[in-house]
């Protein structure tokens, strides 16, 4: 969950402050972050992080595309969810479909942006 938290807070630095929608988007993200209770934040285990490196490396080799840290973060999220019995909700079909094919015991729910 801490990886998801980092992805949300990343937008505070990433979004263009001069874009008309930025203020509204950041307000909604801030509200979402304020609603997250501390006991719901978990860091990936050492095992999940170690295996995430291997999984990300395998996907990089098989797909021929180097996505570096982004792929490693997604792999750690996938494995953390697997350890905790969670379902990953994502629209990132490219990476998570690879994970799911290589390690089909995880649970992933894909969605499309409307």
PDB file of N, CA and C in Angstrom:
ATOM      1  N   UNK A   1       0.823  -1.201   0.000  1.00  0.00           N
ATOM      2  CA  UNK A   1       0.000   0.000   0.000  1.00  0.00           C
ATOM      3  C   UNK A   1       0.862   1.258   0.000  1.00  0.00           C
ATOM      4  N   UNK A   2       2.056   1.181   0.581  1.00  0.00           N
ATOM      5  CA  UNK A   2       2.925   2.360   0.581  1.00  0.00           C
ATOM      6  C   UNK A   2       3.360   2.729  -0.829  1.00  0.00           C
ATOM      7  N   UNK A   3       3.481   1.731  -1.714  1.00  0.00           N
ATOM      8  CA  UNK A   3       3.820   2.013  -3.114  1.00  0.00           C
ATOM      9  C   UNK A   3       2.686   2.794  -3.767  1.00  0.00           C
ATOM     10  N   UNK A   4       1.461   2.393  -3.502  1.00  0.00           N
ATOM     11  CA  UNK A   4       0.312   3.113  -4.053  1.00  0.00           C
ATOM     12  C   UNK A   4       0.267   4.536  -3.499  1.00  0.00           C
ATOM     13  N   UNK A   5       0.602   4.687  -2.233  1.00  0.00           N
ATOM     14  CA  UNK A   5       0.657   6.008  -1.611  1.00  0.00           C
ATOM     15  C   UNK A   5       1.691   6.879  -2.319  1.00  0.00           C
ATOM     16  N   UNK A   6       2.859   6.309  -2.604  1.00  0.00           N
ATOM     17  CA  UNK A   6       3.911   7.055  -3.296  1.00  0.00           C
ATOM     18  C   UNK A   6       3.471   7.449  -4.704  1.00  0.00           C
ATOM     19  N   UNK A   7       2.743   6.561  -5.369  1.00  0.00           N
ATOM     20  CA  UNK A   7       2.268   6.890  -6.711  1.00  0.00           C
ATOM     21  C   UNK A   7       1.271   8.042  -6.673  1.00  0.00           C
ATOM     22  N   UNK A   8       0.429   8.086  -5.660  1.00  0.00           N
ATOM     23  CA  UNK A   8      -0.514   9.197  -5.531  1.00  0.00           C
ATOM     24  C   UNK A   8       0.205  10.504  -5.203  1.00  0.00           C
ATOM     25  N   UNK A   9       1.126  10.465  -4.252  1.00  0.00           N
ATOM     26  CA  UNK A   9       1.804  11.701  -3.854  1.00  0.00           C
ATOM     27  C   UNK A   9       2.764  12.190  -4.929  1.00  0.00           C
ATOM     28  N   UNK A  10       3.222  11.297  -5.782  1.00  0.00           N
ATOM     29  CA  UNK A  10       4.089  11.666  -6.902  1.00  0.00           C
ATOM     30  C   UNK A  10       3.424  12.731  -7.777  1.00  0.00           C
ATOM     31  N   UNK A  11       2.116  12.672  -7.867  1.00  0.00           N
ATOM     32  CA  UNK A  11       1.379  13.612  -8.710  1.00  0.00           C
ATOM     33  C   UNK A  11       1.489  15.054  -8.218  1.00  0.00           C
ATOM     34  N   UNK A  12       1.746  15.247  -6.933  1.00  0.00           N
ATOM     35  CA  UNK A  12       1.884  16.612  -6.412  1.00  0.00           C
ATOM     36  C   UNK A  12       3.095  17.314  -7.020  1.00  0.00           C
ATOM     37  N   UNK A  13       4.105  16.571  -7.357  1.00  0.00           N
ATOM     38  CA  UNK A  13       5.264  17.154  -8.028  1.00  0.00           C
ATOM     39  C   UNK A  13       5.193  17.030  -9.535  1.00  0.00           C
ATOM     40  N   UNK A  14       4.497  16.042 -10.019  1.00  0.00           N
ATOM     41  CA  UNK A  14       4.466  15.717 -11.443  1.00  0.00           C
ATOM     42  C   UNK A  14       3.519  16.593 -12.251  1.00  0.00           C
ATOM     43  N   UNK A  15       2.346  16.892 -11.704  1.00  0.00           N
ATOM     44  CA  UNK A  15       1.347  17.636 -12.472  1.00  0.00           C
ATOM     45  C   UNK A  15       1.761  19.092 -12.661  1.00  0.00           C
ATOM     46  N   UNK A  16       1.432  19.624 -13.815  1.00  0.00           N
ATOM     47  CA  UNK A  16       1.768  21.000 -14.175  1.00  0.00           C
ATOM     48  C   UNK A  16       0.871  21.965 -13.401  1.00  0.00           C
ATOM     49  N   UNK A  17       1.459  22.796 -12.530  1.00  0.00           N
ATOM     50  CA  UNK A  17       0.640  23.712 -11.728  1.00  0.00           C
ATOM     51  C   UNK A  17      -0.138  24.724 -12.565  1.00  0.00           C
ATOM     52  N   UNK A  18       0.305  24.984 -13.789  1.00  0.00           N
ATOM     53  CA  UNK A  18      -0.399  25.959 -14.622  1.00  0.00           C
ATOM     54  C   UNK A  18      -1.566  25.340 -15.395  1.00  0.00           C
ATOM     55  N   UNK A  19      -1.689  24.021 -15.363  1.00  0.00           N
ATOM     56  CA  UNK A  19      -2.811  23.369 -16.058  1.00  0.00           C
ATOM     57  C   UNK A  19      -4.097  23.640 -15.278  1.00  0.00           C
ATOM     58  N   UNK A  20      -5.183  23.968 -15.960  1.00  0.00           N
ATOM     59  CA  UNK A  20      -6.424  24.336 -15.270  1.00  0.00           C
ATOM     60  C   UNK A  20      -7.018  23.242 -14.378  1.00  0.00           C
ATOM     61  N   UNK A  21      -6.769  21.975 -14.684  1.00  0.00           N
ATOM     62  CA  UNK A  21      -7.369  20.889 -13.897  1.00  0.00           C
ATOM     63  C   UNK A  21      -6.518  20.471 -12.703  1.00  0.00           C
ATOM     64  N   UNK A  22      -5.273  20.922 -12.641  1.00  0.00           N
ATOM     65  CA  UNK A  22      -4.354  20.445 -11.603  1.00  0.00           C
ATOM     66  C   UNK A  22      -4.865  20.707 -10.196  1.00  0.00           C
ATOM     67  N   UNK A  23      -5.343  21.890  -9.932  1.00  0.00           N
ATOM     68  CA  UNK A  23      -5.794  22.237  -8.585  1.00  0.00           C
ATOM     69  C   UNK A  23      -6.919  21.305  -8.119  1.00  0.00           C
ATOM     70  N   UNK A  24      -7.869  21.036  -8.992  1.00  0.00           N
ATOM     71  CA  UNK A  24      -8.992  20.156  -8.651  1.00  0.00           C
ATOM     72  C   UNK A  24      -8.519  18.728  -8.421  1.00  0.00           C
ATOM     73  N   UNK A  25      -7.654  18.245  -9.289  1.00  0.00           N
ATOM     74  CA  UNK A  25      -7.134  16.879  -9.162  1.00  0.00           C
ATOM     75  C   UNK A  25      -6.382  16.723  -7.847  1.00  0.00           C
ATOM     76  N   UNK A  26      -5.507  17.661  -7.537  1.00  0.00           N
ATOM     77  CA  UNK A  26      -4.725  17.568  -6.304  1.00  0.00           C
ATOM     78  C   UNK A  26      -5.602  17.684  -5.061  1.00  0.00           C
ATOM     79  N   UNK A  27      -6.662  18.457  -5.130  1.00  0.00           N
ATOM     80  CA  UNK A  27      -7.593  18.557  -4.001  1.00  0.00           C
ATOM     81  C   UNK A  27      -8.234  17.190  -3.737  1.00  0.00           C
ATOM     82  N   UNK A  28      -8.645  16.500  -4.796  1.00  0.00           N
ATOM     83  CA  UNK A  28      -9.262  15.178  -4.643  1.00  0.00           C
ATOM     84  C   UNK A  28      -8.260  14.153  -4.127  1.00  0.00           C
ATOM     85  N   UNK A  29      -7.047  14.217  -4.619  1.00  0.00           N
ATOM     86  CA  UNK A  29      -6.015  13.298  -4.125  1.00  0.00           C
ATOM     87  C   UNK A  29      -5.743  13.566  -2.647  1.00  0.00           C
ATOM     88  N   UNK A  30      -5.651  14.826  -2.273  1.00  0.00           N
ATOM     89  CA  UNK A  30      -5.418  15.189  -0.868  1.00  0.00           C
ATOM     90  C   UNK A  30      -6.536  14.634   0.017  1.00  0.00           C
ATOM     91  N   UNK A  31      -7.778  14.768  -0.423  1.00  0.00           N
ATOM     92  CA  UNK A  31      -8.911  14.225   0.347  1.00  0.00           C
ATOM     93  C   UNK A  31      -8.799  12.707   0.478  1.00  0.00           C
ATOM     94  N   UNK A  32      -8.427  12.062  -0.599  1.00  0.00           N
ATOM     95  CA  UNK A  32      -8.257  10.604  -0.573  1.00  0.00           C
ATOM     96  C   UNK A  32      -7.170  10.216   0.415  1.00  0.00           C
ATOM     97  N   UNK A  33      -6.047  10.909   0.372  1.00  0.00           N
ATOM     98  CA  UNK A  33      -4.935  10.613   1.280  1.00  0.00           C
ATOM     99  C   UNK A  33      -5.328  10.832   2.740  1.00  0.00           C
ATOM    100  N   UNK A  34      -6.093  11.864   3.005  1.00  0.00           N
ATOM    101  CA  UNK A  34      -6.526  12.142   4.376  1.00  0.00           C
ATOM    102  C   UNK A  34      -7.459  11.058   4.907  1.00  0.00           C
ATOM    103  N   UNK A  35      -8.149  10.368   4.009  1.00  0.00           N
ATOM    104  CA  UNK A  35      -9.068   9.296   4.414  1.00  0.00           C
ATOM    105  C   UNK A  35      -8.372   7.965   4.691  1.00  0.00           C
ATOM    106  N   UNK A  36      -7.116   7.836   4.291  1.00  0.00           N
ATOM    107  CA  UNK A  36      -6.399   6.571   4.498  1.00  0.00           C
ATOM    108  C   UNK A  36      -5.949   6.493   5.952  1.00  0.00           C
ATOM    109  N   UNK A  37      -6.401   5.472   6.636  1.00  0.00           N
ATOM    110  CA  UNK A  37      -6.030   5.285   8.039  1.00  0.00           C
ATOM    111  C   UNK A  37      -4.644   4.644   8.112  1.00  0.00           C
ATOM    112  N   UNK A  38      -3.856   5.076   9.073  1.00  0.00           N
ATOM    113  CA  UNK A  38      -2.482   4.611   9.216  1.00  0.00           C
ATOM    114  C   UNK A  38      -2.326   3.109   9.296  1.00  0.00           C
ATOM    115  N   UNK A  39      -3.273   2.441   9.935  1.00  0.00           N
ATOM    116  CA  UNK A  39      -3.155   0.988  10.073  1.00  0.00           C
ATOM    117  C   UNK A  39      -3.390   0.254   8.751  1.00  0.00           C
ATOM    118  N   UNK A  40      -3.748   0.988   7.708  1.00  0.00           N
ATOM    119  CA  UNK A  40      -3.958   0.372   6.394  1.00  0.00           C
ATOM    120  C   UNK A  40      -2.728   0.485   5.495  1.00  0.00           C
ATOM    121  N   UNK A  41      -1.669   1.096   5.987  1.00  0.00           N
ATOM    122  CA  UNK A  41      -0.447   1.255   5.196  1.00  0.00           C
ATOM    123  C   UNK A  41       0.541   0.153   5.548  1.00  0.00           C
ATOM    124  N   UNK A  42       0.998  -0.558   4.536  1.00  0.00           N
ATOM    125  CA  UNK A  42       1.926  -1.665   4.728  1.00  0.00           C
ATOM    126  C   UNK A  42       3.084  -1.519   3.758  1.00  0.00           C
ATOM    127  N   UNK A  43       4.258  -1.910   4.199  1.00  0.00           N
ATOM    128  CA  UNK A  43       5.418  -1.982   3.314  1.00  0.00           C
ATOM    129  C   UNK A  43       5.569  -3.417   2.834  1.00  0.00           C
ATOM    130  N   UNK A  44       6.072  -3.598   1.618  1.00  0.00           N
ATOM    131  CA  UNK A  44       6.317  -4.963   1.145  1.00  0.00           C
ATOM    132  C   UNK A  44       7.363  -5.652   2.020  1.00  0.00           C
ATOM    133  N   UNK A  45       7.228  -6.950   2.189  1.00  0.00           N
ATOM    134  CA  UNK A  45       8.203  -7.711   2.971  1.00  0.00           C
ATOM    135  C   UNK A  45       9.521  -7.809   2.204  1.00  0.00           C
ATOM    136  N   UNK A  46      10.572  -8.217   2.911  1.00  0.00           N
ATOM    137  CA  UNK A  46      11.863  -8.419   2.253  1.00  0.00           C
ATOM    138  C   UNK A  46      11.750  -9.497   1.185  1.00  0.00           C
ATOM    139  N   UNK A  47      10.978 -10.526   1.464  1.00  0.00           N
ATOM    140  CA  UNK A  47      10.781 -11.598   0.489  1.00  0.00           C
ATOM    141  C   UNK A  47      10.102 -11.061  -0.767  1.00  0.00           C
ATOM    142  N   UNK A  48       9.038 -10.279  -0.576  1.00  0.00           N
ATOM    143  CA  UNK A  48       8.324  -9.716  -1.729  1.00  0.00           C
ATOM    144  C   UNK A  48       9.242  -8.815  -2.546  1.00  0.00           C
ATOM    145  N   UNK A  49      10.061  -8.019  -1.881  1.00  0.00           N
ATOM    146  CA  UNK A  49      10.966  -7.126  -2.605  1.00  0.00           C
ATOM    147  C   UNK A  49      12.029  -7.911  -3.363  1.00  0.00           C
ATOM    148  N   UNK A  50      12.567  -8.950  -2.739  1.00  0.00           N
ATOM    149  CA  UNK A  50      13.560  -9.775  -3.422  1.00  0.00           C
ATOM    150  C   UNK A  50      12.972 -10.476  -4.634  1.00  0.00           C
ATOM    151  N   UNK A  51      11.796 -11.043  -4.455  1.00  0.00           N
ATOM    152  CA  UNK A  51      11.140 -11.732  -5.562  1.00  0.00           C
ATOM    153  C   UNK A  51      10.673 -10.748  -6.635  1.00  0.00           C
ATOM    154  N   UNK A  52      10.339  -9.525  -6.233  1.00  0.00           N
ATOM    155  CA  UNK A  52       9.927  -8.506  -7.201  1.00  0.00           C
ATOM    156  C   UNK A  52      11.071  -8.188  -8.157  1.00  0.00           C
ATOM    157  N   UNK A  53      12.283  -8.144  -7.626  1.00  0.00           N
ATOM    158  CA  UNK A  53      13.437  -7.911  -8.491  1.00  0.00           C
ATOM    159  C   UNK A  53      13.580  -9.001  -9.535  1.00  0.00           C
ATOM    160  N   UNK A  54      13.392 -10.244  -9.110  1.00  0.00           N
ATOM    161  CA  UNK A  54      13.484 -11.366 -10.057  1.00  0.00           C
ATOM    162  C   UNK A  54      12.347 -11.332 -11.070  1.00  0.00           C
ATOM    163  N   UNK A  55      11.130 -11.068 -10.595  1.00  0.00           N
ATOM    164  CA  UNK A  55       9.970 -11.027 -11.483  1.00  0.00           C
ATOM    165  C   UNK A  55      10.104  -9.897 -12.503  1.00  0.00           C
ATOM    166  N   UNK A  56      10.509  -8.722 -12.050  1.00  0.00           N
ATOM    167  CA  UNK A  56      10.688  -7.584 -12.961  1.00  0.00           C
ATOM    168  C   UNK A  56      11.796  -7.877 -13.969  1.00  0.00           C
ATOM    169  N   UNK A  57      12.876  -8.506 -13.509  1.00  0.00           N
ATOM    170  CA  UNK A  57      13.957  -8.868 -14.423  1.00  0.00           C
ATOM    171  C   UNK A  57      13.507  -9.867 -15.471  1.00  0.00           C
ATOM    172  N   UNK A  58      12.710 -10.829 -15.060  1.00  0.00           N
ATOM    173  CA  UNK A  58      12.193 -11.840 -15.984  1.00  0.00           C
ATOM    174  C   UNK A  58      11.280 -11.205 -17.029  1.00  0.00           C
ATOM    175  N   UNK A  59      10.395 -10.319 -16.598  1.00  0.00           N
ATOM    176  CA  UNK A  59       9.496  -9.637 -17.533  1.00  0.00           C
ATOM    177  C   UNK A  59      10.304  -8.769 -18.496  1.00  0.00           C
ATOM    178  N   UNK A  60      11.328  -8.098 -17.991  1.00  0.00           N
ATOM    179  CA  UNK A  60      12.178  -7.275 -18.853  1.00  0.00           C
ATOM    180  C   UNK A  60      12.831  -8.135 -19.932  1.00  0.00           C
ATOM    181  N   UNK A  61      13.369  -9.276 -19.530  1.00  0.00           N
ATOM    182  CA  UNK A  61      14.035 -10.160 -20.490  1.00  0.00           C
ATOM    183  C   UNK A  61      13.047 -10.725 -21.501  1.00  0.00           C
ATOM    184  N   UNK A  62      11.900 -11.188 -21.043  1.00  0.00           N
ATOM    185  CA  UNK A  62      10.925 -11.810 -21.942  1.00  0.00           C
ATOM    186  C   UNK A  62      10.242 -10.813 -22.877  1.00  0.00           C
ATOM    187  N   UNK A  63      10.005  -9.608 -22.394  1.00  0.00           N
ATOM    188  CA  UNK A  63       9.297  -8.610 -23.202  1.00  0.00           C
ATOM    189  C   UNK A  63      10.249  -7.784 -24.058  1.00  0.00           C
ATOM    190  N   UNK A  64      11.524  -7.771 -23.690  1.00  0.00           N
ATOM    191  CA  UNK A  64      12.500  -6.990 -24.443  1.00  0.00           C
ATOM    192  C   UNK A  64      12.400  -5.497 -24.199  1.00  0.00           C
ATOM    193  N   UNK A  65      11.587  -5.091 -23.262  1.00  0.00           N
ATOM    194  CA  UNK A  65      11.410  -3.667 -22.969  1.00  0.00           C
ATOM    195  C   UNK A  65      11.926  -3.368 -21.571  1.00  0.00           C
ATOM    196  N   UNK A  66      12.825  -2.421 -21.473  1.00  0.00           N
ATOM    197  CA  UNK A  66      13.362  -2.031 -20.168  1.00  0.00           C
ATOM    198  C   UNK A  66      12.498  -0.912 -19.594  1.00  0.00           C
ATOM    199  N   UNK A  67      11.810  -1.201 -18.490  1.00  0.00           N
ATOM    200  CA  UNK A  67      10.970  -0.187 -17.852  1.00  0.00           C
ATOM    201  C   UNK A  67      11.465   0.132 -16.455  1.00  0.00           C
ATOM    202  N   UNK A  68      12.581  -0.450 -16.084  1.00  0.00           N
ATOM    203  CA  UNK A  68      13.294  -0.103 -14.874  1.00  0.00           C
ATOM    204  C   UNK A  68      12.485  -0.072 -13.602  1.00  0.00           C
ATOM    205  N   UNK A  69      12.603   1.046 -12.898  1.00  0.00           N
ATOM    206  CA  UNK A  69      12.023   1.182 -11.563  1.00  0.00           C
ATOM    207  C   UNK A  69      10.500   1.067 -11.565  1.00  0.00           C
ATOM    208  N   UNK A  70       9.870   1.541 -12.620  1.00  0.00           N
ATOM    209  CA  UNK A  70       8.412   1.445 -12.704  1.00  0.00           C
ATOM    210  C   UNK A  70       7.956  -0.012 -12.681  1.00  0.00           C
ATOM    211  N   UNK A  71       8.651  -0.853 -13.429  1.00  0.00           N
ATOM    212  CA  UNK A  71       8.311  -2.273 -13.466  1.00  0.00           C
ATOM    213  C   UNK A  71       8.602  -2.933 -12.124  1.00  0.00           C
ATOM    214  N   UNK A  72       9.696  -2.552 -11.498  1.00  0.00           N
ATOM    215  CA  UNK A  72      10.041  -3.092 -10.180  1.00  0.00           C
ATOM    216  C   UNK A  72       8.985  -2.703  -9.145  1.00  0.00           C
ATOM    217  N   UNK A  73       8.529  -1.467  -9.179  1.00  0.00           N
ATOM    218  CA  UNK A  73       7.475  -1.030  -8.254  1.00  0.00           C
ATOM    219  C   UNK A  73       6.189  -1.824  -8.466  1.00  0.00           C
ATOM    220  N   UNK A  74       5.825  -2.028  -9.727  1.00  0.00           N
ATOM    221  CA  UNK A  74       4.610  -2.791 -10.014  1.00  0.00           C
ATOM    222  C   UNK A  74       4.749  -4.240  -9.573  1.00  0.00           C
ATOM    223  N   UNK A  75       5.927  -4.825  -9.786  1.00  0.00           N
ATOM    224  CA  UNK A  75       6.155  -6.210  -9.360  1.00  0.00           C
ATOM    225  C   UNK A  75       6.069  -6.328  -7.843  1.00  0.00           C
ATOM    226  N   UNK A  76       6.606  -5.349  -7.124  1.00  0.00           N
ATOM    227  CA  UNK A  76       6.539  -5.404  -5.656  1.00  0.00           C
ATOM    228  C   UNK A  76       5.101  -5.251  -5.175  1.00  0.00           C
ATOM    229  N   UNK A  77       4.318  -4.425  -5.861  1.00  0.00           N
ATOM    230  CA  UNK A  77       2.905  -4.274  -5.517  1.00  0.00           C
ATOM    231  C   UNK A  77       2.150  -5.584  -5.760  1.00  0.00           C
ATOM    232  N   UNK A  78       2.423  -6.227  -6.893  1.00  0.00           N
ATOM    233  CA  UNK A  78       1.774  -7.500  -7.232  1.00  0.00           C
ATOM    234  C   UNK A  78       2.087  -8.555  -6.173  1.00  0.00           C
ATOM    235  N   UNK A  79       3.354  -8.653  -5.779  1.00  0.00           N
ATOM    236  CA  UNK A  79       3.760  -9.675  -4.816  1.00  0.00           C
ATOM    237  C   UNK A  79       3.296  -9.354  -3.399  1.00  0.00           C
ATOM    238  N   UNK A  80       3.258  -8.082  -3.048  1.00  0.00           N
ATOM    239  CA  UNK A  80       2.729  -7.706  -1.736  1.00  0.00           C
ATOM    240  C   UNK A  80       1.246  -8.071  -1.656  1.00  0.00           C
ATOM    241  N   UNK A  81       0.511  -7.791  -2.715  1.00  0.00           N
ATOM    242  CA  UNK A  81      -0.912  -8.149  -2.747  1.00  0.00           C
ATOM    243  C   UNK A  81      -1.086  -9.659  -2.653  1.00  0.00           C
ATOM    244  N   UNK A  82      -0.221 -10.401  -3.328  1.00  0.00           N
ATOM    245  CA  UNK A  82      -0.281 -11.862  -3.269  1.00  0.00           C
ATOM    246  C   UNK A  82      -0.062 -12.356  -1.841  1.00  0.00           C
ATOM    247  N   UNK A  83       0.947 -11.815  -1.169  1.00  0.00           N
ATOM    248  CA  UNK A  83       1.236 -12.207   0.222  1.00  0.00           C
ATOM    249  C   UNK A  83       0.062 -11.944   1.157  1.00  0.00           C
ATOM    250  N   UNK A  84      -0.620 -10.842   0.946  1.00  0.00           N
ATOM    251  CA  UNK A  84      -1.678 -10.422   1.865  1.00  0.00           C
ATOM    252  C   UNK A  84      -3.072 -10.882   1.442  1.00  0.00           C
ATOM    253  N   UNK A  85      -3.169 -11.528   0.285  1.00  0.00           N
ATOM    254  CA  UNK A  85      -4.467 -11.999  -0.191  1.00  0.00           C
ATOM    255  C   UNK A  85      -5.322 -10.901  -0.795  1.00  0.00           C
ATOM    256  N   UNK A  86      -4.687  -9.837  -1.240  1.00  0.00           N
ATOM    257  CA  UNK A  86      -5.409  -8.710  -1.823  1.00  0.00           C
ATOM    258  C   UNK A  86      -5.574  -8.890  -3.322  1.00  0.00           C
ATOM    259  N   UNK A  87      -6.475  -8.117  -3.891  1.00  0.00           N
ATOM    260  CA  UNK A  87      -6.658  -8.042  -5.339  1.00  0.00           C
ATOM    261  C   UNK A  87      -6.054  -6.720  -5.802  1.00  0.00           C
ATOM    262  N   UNK A  88      -5.255  -6.772  -6.865  1.00  0.00           N
ATOM    263  CA  UNK A  88      -4.694  -5.550  -7.449  1.00  0.00           C
ATOM    264  C   UNK A  88      -5.702  -5.011  -8.458  1.00  0.00           C
ATOM    265  N   UNK A  89      -6.078  -3.765  -8.305  1.00  0.00           N
ATOM    266  CA  UNK A  89      -6.960  -3.083  -9.249  1.00  0.00           C
ATOM    267  C   UNK A  89      -6.093  -2.140 -10.071  1.00  0.00           C
ATOM    268  N   UNK A  90      -6.018  -2.368 -11.381  1.00  0.00           N
ATOM    269  CA  UNK A  90      -5.123  -1.573 -12.219  1.00  0.00           C
ATOM    270  C   UNK A  90      -5.628  -1.504 -13.651  1.00  0.00           C
ATOM    271  N   UNK A  91      -5.195  -0.491 -14.365  1.00  0.00           N
ATOM    272  CA  UNK A  91      -5.440  -0.444 -15.808  1.00  0.00           C
ATOM    273  C   UNK A  91      -4.160  -0.745 -16.574  1.00  0.00           C
ATOM    274  N   UNK A  92      -3.097  -1.092 -15.858  1.00  0.00           N
ATOM    275  CA  UNK A  92      -1.806  -1.413 -16.458  1.00  0.00           C
ATOM    276  C   UNK A  92      -1.793  -2.880 -16.905  1.00  0.00           C
ATOM    277  N   UNK A  93      -2.452  -3.145 -18.007  1.00  0.00           N
ATOM    278  CA  UNK A  93      -2.562  -4.512 -18.516  1.00  0.00           C
ATOM    279  C   UNK A  93      -1.197  -5.033 -18.948  1.00  0.00           C
ATOM    280  N   UNK A  94      -0.402  -4.191 -19.577  1.00  0.00           N
ATOM    281  CA  UNK A  94       0.890  -4.617 -20.122  1.00  0.00           C
ATOM    282  C   UNK A  94       1.745  -5.327 -19.078  1.00  0.00           C
ATOM    283  N   UNK A  95       1.998  -4.693 -17.953  1.00  0.00           N
ATOM    284  CA  UNK A  95       2.891  -5.272 -16.948  1.00  0.00           C
ATOM    285  C   UNK A  95       2.207  -6.340 -16.104  1.00  0.00           C
ATOM    286  N   UNK A  96       1.014  -6.055 -15.620  1.00  0.00           N
ATOM    287  CA  UNK A  96       0.359  -6.988 -14.700  1.00  0.00           C
ATOM    288  C   UNK A  96      -0.117  -8.260 -15.400  1.00  0.00           C
ATOM    289  N   UNK A  97      -0.372  -8.196 -16.702  1.00  0.00           N
ATOM    290  CA  UNK A  97      -0.704  -9.417 -17.428  1.00  0.00           C
ATOM    291  C   UNK A  97       0.518 -10.335 -17.489  1.00  0.00           C
ATOM    292  N   UNK A  98       1.692  -9.764 -17.699  1.00  0.00           N
ATOM    293  CA  UNK A  98       2.921 -10.567 -17.639  1.00  0.00           C
ATOM    294  C   UNK A  98       3.063 -11.226 -16.269  1.00  0.00           C
ATOM    295  N   UNK A  99       2.908 -10.433 -15.208  1.00  0.00           N
ATOM    296  CA  UNK A  99       3.042 -10.987 -13.855  1.00  0.00           C
ATOM    297  C   UNK A  99       2.058 -12.135 -13.655  1.00  0.00           C
ATOM    298  N   UNK A 100       0.829 -11.902 -14.095  1.00  0.00           N
ATOM    299  CA  UNK A 100      -0.230 -12.885 -13.885  1.00  0.00           C
ATOM    300  C   UNK A 100       0.011 -14.167 -14.688  1.00  0.00           C
ATOM    301  N   UNK A 101       0.632 -14.039 -15.852  1.00  0.00           N
ATOM    302  CA  UNK A 101       0.957 -15.228 -16.643  1.00  0.00           C
ATOM    303  C   UNK A 101       2.121 -16.003 -16.034  1.00  0.00           C
ATOM    304  N   UNK A 102       3.105 -15.273 -15.513  1.00  0.00           N
ATOM    305  CA  UNK A 102       4.281 -15.924 -14.932  1.00  0.00           C
ATOM    306  C   UNK A 102       4.010 -16.483 -13.541  1.00  0.00           C
ATOM    307  N   UNK A 103       3.132 -15.836 -12.817  1.00  0.00           N
ATOM    308  CA  UNK A 103       2.809 -16.236 -11.451  1.00  0.00           C
ATOM    309  C   UNK A 103       1.285 -16.178 -11.302  1.00  0.00           C
ATOM    310  N   UNK A 104       0.572 -17.157 -11.864  1.00  0.00           N
ATOM    311  CA  UNK A 104      -0.886 -17.063 -11.965  1.00  0.00           C
ATOM    312  C   UNK A 104      -1.656 -17.252 -10.661  1.00  0.00           C
ATOM    313  N   UNK A 105      -0.990 -17.216  -9.535  1.00  0.00           N
ATOM    314  CA  UNK A 105      -1.707 -17.347  -8.262  1.00  0.00           C
ATOM    315  C   UNK A 105      -2.151 -15.999  -7.707  1.00  0.00           C
ATOM    316  N   UNK A 106      -1.649 -14.905  -8.286  1.00  0.00           N
ATOM    317  CA  UNK A 106      -2.068 -13.575  -7.852  1.00  0.00           C
ATOM    318  C   UNK A 106      -3.443 -13.249  -8.413  1.00  0.00           C
ATOM    319  N   UNK A 107      -4.051 -12.212  -7.862  1.00  0.00           N
ATOM    320  CA  UNK A 107      -5.371 -11.795  -8.330  1.00  0.00           C
ATOM    321  C   UNK A 107      -5.288 -10.356  -8.815  1.00  0.00           C
ATOM    322  N   UNK A 108      -5.672 -10.162 -10.079  1.00  0.00           N
ATOM    323  CA  UNK A 108      -5.614  -8.842 -10.698  1.00  0.00           C
ATOM    324  C   UNK A 108      -6.959  -8.557 -11.346  1.00  0.00           C
ATOM    325  N   UNK A 109      -7.442  -7.357 -11.127  1.00  0.00           N
ATOM    326  CA  UNK A 109      -8.677  -6.901 -11.752  1.00  0.00           C
ATOM    327  C   UNK A 109      -8.320  -5.701 -12.626  1.00  0.00           C
ATOM    328  N   UNK A 110      -8.504  -5.856 -13.930  1.00  0.00           N
ATOM    329  CA  UNK A 110      -8.169  -4.786 -14.866  1.00  0.00           C
ATOM    330  C   UNK A 110      -9.396  -3.932 -15.148  1.00  0.00           C
ATOM    331  N   UNK A 111      -9.162  -2.657 -15.388  1.00  0.00           N
ATOM    332  CA  UNK A 111     -10.254  -1.771 -15.775  1.00  0.00           C
ATOM    333  C   UNK A 111      -9.777  -0.866 -16.894  1.00  0.00           C
ATOM    334  N   UNK A 112     -10.730  -0.330 -17.643  1.00  0.00           N
ATOM    335  CA  UNK A 112     -10.435   0.627 -18.701  1.00  0.00           C
ATOM    336  C   UNK A 112     -10.884   1.999 -18.254  1.00  0.00           C
ATOM    337  N   UNK A 113     -10.118   2.997 -18.655  1.00  0.00           N
ATOM    338  CA  UNK A 113     -10.509   4.364 -18.333  1.00  0.00           C
ATOM    339  C   UNK A 113     -11.629   4.769 -19.277  1.00  0.00           C
ATOM    340  N   UNK A 114     -12.711   5.298 -18.704  1.00  0.00           N
ATOM    341  CA  UNK A 114     -13.894   5.638 -19.497  1.00  0.00           C
ATOM    342  C   UNK A 114     -13.856   6.970 -20.130  1.00  0.00           C
TER     343      UNK A 114
END
